[in-house]
């Protein structure tokens, strides 16, 4: 599942990876970080990086769960740092 955006409430990023691997088999993780989802504003802000998996490789982001369709996605390295809107033009919603 190349470029699939996976998110959830976990203590460690590796918990998401294990859950996804059990469901779909081997997956290659291309980074991680924190997120801030605002349902009212319909925004998803992706932050920083994961100690386990490094900074997210946003160039590979090409599959996003359909429940997030209509959200604007942004990336910022951390608080107080300007954020950049991500281009979702070629994204597959699944």
Protein backbone atom coordinates (compact mmCIF):
# COMPACT_ATOMS: atom_id res chain seq x y z
CA UNK A 1 0.00 0.00 0.00
CA UNK A 2 2.52 2.58 -1.15
CA UNK A 3 1.92 6.08 0.14
CA UNK A 4 -1.06 5.26 2.38
CA UNK A 5 -1.75 7.78 5.14
CA UNK A 6 -2.34 5.97 8.44
CA UNK A 7 -3.29 7.76 11.64
CA UNK A 8 -4.69 6.90 15.04
CA UNK A 9 -4.42 7.38 18.78
CA UNK A 10 -1.40 5.36 19.93
CA UNK A 11 1.42 5.69 22.42
CA UNK A 12 4.12 4.80 19.88
CA UNK A 13 4.14 5.02 16.09
CA UNK A 14 5.22 1.39 15.82
CA UNK A 15 1.78 0.37 17.16
CA UNK A 16 0.19 1.74 13.97
CA UNK A 17 2.76 -0.07 11.85
CA UNK A 18 2.16 -3.40 13.60
CA UNK A 19 -1.62 -3.05 13.26
CA UNK A 20 -1.33 -2.21 9.57
CA UNK A 21 1.13 -5.06 8.92
CA UNK A 22 -1.24 -7.55 10.56
CA UNK A 23 -4.05 -6.34 8.31
CA UNK A 24 -2.17 -6.03 4.99
CA UNK A 25 1.15 -7.84 5.35
CA UNK A 26 4.60 -6.22 5.12
CA UNK A 27 4.60 -2.45 4.76
CA UNK A 28 7.45 0.01 4.46
CA UNK A 29 7.12 2.97 6.78
CA UNK A 30 8.28 6.29 5.36
CA UNK A 31 8.15 8.48 8.44
CA UNK A 32 5.77 9.58 11.11
CA UNK A 33 4.87 12.41 13.41
CA UNK A 34 2.03 13.99 15.33
CA UNK A 35 -1.19 15.28 13.85
CA UNK A 36 -3.88 17.76 14.79
CA UNK A 37 -7.30 17.04 13.28
CA UNK A 38 -9.92 19.78 13.41
CA UNK A 39 -13.30 18.44 12.26
CA UNK A 40 -14.99 21.84 12.45
CA UNK A 41 -12.36 23.62 10.32
CA UNK A 42 -11.84 20.43 8.25
CA UNK A 43 -8.07 20.60 8.57
CA UNK A 44 -5.39 18.02 9.29
CA UNK A 45 -2.03 19.40 10.37
CA UNK A 46 0.90 16.98 10.26
CA UNK A 47 3.84 17.80 12.53
CA UNK A 48 7.51 17.00 12.87
CA UNK A 49 8.81 13.48 12.82
CA UNK A 50 8.86 10.15 14.61
CA UNK A 51 11.84 9.00 16.69
CA UNK A 52 11.30 5.53 15.23
CA UNK A 53 10.63 6.38 11.59
CA UNK A 54 11.92 9.91 10.97
CA UNK A 55 10.29 12.80 9.11
CA UNK A 56 7.29 11.86 6.95
CA UNK A 57 8.04 11.43 3.25
CA UNK A 58 5.15 13.55 2.04
CA UNK A 59 6.13 13.08 -1.60
CA UNK A 60 4.88 9.48 -1.23
CA UNK A 61 1.49 10.48 0.21
CA UNK A 62 -0.95 9.27 -2.43
CA UNK A 63 -3.68 7.35 -0.55
CA UNK A 64 -5.80 8.93 2.18
CA UNK A 65 -8.85 7.47 3.95
CA UNK A 66 -12.10 8.72 2.37
CA UNK A 67 -13.32 9.96 5.77
CA UNK A 68 -10.80 12.81 5.39
CA UNK A 69 -11.93 13.87 1.92
CA UNK A 70 -12.63 17.59 1.93
CA UNK A 71 -10.05 18.26 4.64
CA UNK A 72 -7.11 20.54 3.86
CA UNK A 73 -3.78 18.97 4.81
CA UNK A 74 -0.87 21.02 6.11
CA UNK A 75 2.65 20.15 7.26
CA UNK A 76 4.75 22.03 9.79
CA UNK A 77 7.93 20.94 11.53
CA UNK A 78 6.78 22.28 14.89
CA UNK A 79 4.89 24.96 16.81
CA UNK A 80 5.62 28.50 15.67
CA UNK A 81 7.03 27.33 12.34
CA UNK A 82 5.00 28.30 9.24
CA UNK A 83 2.96 25.49 7.75
CA UNK A 84 2.67 24.49 4.12
CA UNK A 85 -0.52 23.23 2.49
CA UNK A 86 -0.07 19.84 0.87
CA UNK A 87 -1.14 19.28 -2.73
CA UNK A 88 -3.79 16.52 -2.72
CA UNK A 89 -4.65 16.80 -6.40
CA UNK A 90 -3.46 13.28 -7.28
CA UNK A 91 -4.52 11.55 -4.06
CA UNK A 92 -6.61 8.37 -4.14
CA UNK A 93 -9.35 8.40 -1.49
CA UNK A 94 -10.03 4.87 -0.20
